[in-house]
Protein backbone atom coordinates (compact mmCIF):
# COMPACT_ATOMS: atom_id res chain seq x y z
CA MET A 1 -19.86 -8.75 -1.09
CA THR A 2 -21.39 -6.18 -3.40
CA LEU A 3 -23.13 -3.03 -2.19
CA LYS A 4 -25.04 -0.38 -4.12
CA LYS A 5 -24.29 3.33 -3.99
CA LYS A 6 -27.15 5.79 -4.07
CA SER A 7 -26.24 6.36 -7.71
CA GLY A 8 -27.00 2.70 -8.42
CA LYS A 9 -23.38 1.75 -9.06
CA SER A 10 -22.04 -1.40 -7.44
CA ILE A 11 -19.27 -1.26 -4.86
CA ARG A 12 -17.27 -4.42 -4.25
CA ARG A 13 -15.67 -4.96 -0.84
CA PHE A 14 -12.38 -6.82 -0.40
CA LEU A 15 -10.33 -7.89 2.58
CA VAL A 16 -6.63 -7.88 1.68
CA ASN A 17 -4.80 -10.46 3.77
CA GLU A 18 -1.13 -10.60 4.69
CA ASN A 19 -0.28 -12.99 1.85
CA LEU A 20 -1.19 -10.50 -0.87
CA PHE A 21 0.43 -7.65 1.04
CA ILE A 22 3.71 -9.54 1.55
CA ALA A 23 3.80 -10.66 -2.09
CA ALA A 24 3.26 -7.03 -3.13
CA ILE A 25 6.06 -5.54 -1.01
CA LYS A 26 8.57 -8.37 -0.64
CA ASN A 27 10.77 -7.29 -3.53
CA PRO A 28 10.81 -3.47 -3.57
CA LYS A 29 12.69 -3.22 -6.88
CA LYS A 30 10.26 -5.46 -8.75
CA GLU A 31 6.73 -4.50 -9.73
CA THR A 32 4.90 -7.78 -9.23
CA ALA A 33 1.41 -8.77 -10.33
CA SER A 34 0.46 -8.72 -6.64
CA LEU A 35 1.60 -5.12 -6.32
CA ARG A 36 -0.30 -4.11 -9.45
CA LEU A 37 -3.44 -5.84 -8.15
CA LEU A 38 -3.18 -4.19 -4.75
CA LEU A 39 -2.63 -0.73 -6.25
CA LYS A 40 -5.58 -1.29 -8.60
CA LEU A 41 -7.81 -2.16 -5.64
CA ILE A 42 -6.64 0.96 -3.81
CA ASP A 43 -7.04 3.33 -6.76
CA ASN A 44 -10.39 2.11 -8.11
CA THR A 45 -13.42 3.73 -6.45
CA ALA A 46 -15.59 0.74 -7.37
CA PHE A 47 -13.69 -1.23 -4.71
CA VAL A 48 -13.65 -0.73 -0.95
CA LEU A 49 -10.95 -2.38 1.13
CA ILE A 50 -12.05 -3.52 4.56
CA GLY A 51 -10.02 -4.42 7.62
CA ASN A 52 -9.25 -3.26 11.12
CA GLU A 53 -6.42 -1.71 13.10
CA PHE A 54 -4.89 -5.11 13.91
CA LEU A 55 -4.57 -5.99 10.23
CA VAL A 56 -2.98 -2.61 9.53
CA MET A 57 -0.54 -3.13 12.43
CA GLU A 58 0.46 -6.53 10.99
CA MET A 59 0.98 -5.01 7.55
CA GLU A 60 3.07 -2.19 9.06
CA LYS A 61 5.31 -4.79 10.72
CA TYR A 62 5.82 -6.61 7.42
CA ALA A 63 6.51 -3.34 5.63
CA GLN A 64 9.28 -2.61 8.13
CA VAL A 65 10.74 -6.13 7.90
CA PHE A 66 10.92 -5.93 4.10
CA GLU A 67 11.95 -2.25 4.20
CA SER A 68 9.18 -1.39 1.78
CA LYS A 69 9.24 2.03 0.18
CA ARG A 70 5.75 1.36 -1.20
CA ARG A 71 4.08 1.21 2.20
CA LYS A 72 3.07 4.88 2.06
CA GLU A 73 1.18 4.17 -1.17
CA ILE A 74 -0.46 1.07 0.23
CA LEU A 75 -1.10 1.81 3.91
CA ILE A 76 -3.29 4.89 3.62
CA PHE A 77 -4.99 6.00 6.81
């Protein structure tokens, strides 16, 4: 879905599911394409990530299982 800011710029909204999140954090020593994509979505102001507290709780569980050191970069509250 694309929204418009008051400035006229487009904002694209994305829902990151568990598959992308797991692929991004599964191997903490390797910078995967999934991790680069996820960090790009987080850093770029033209994108808005959508979700809810249940999705964040699931991602937190996976981050603990895989002992991800990147979770602080990814799971921003």
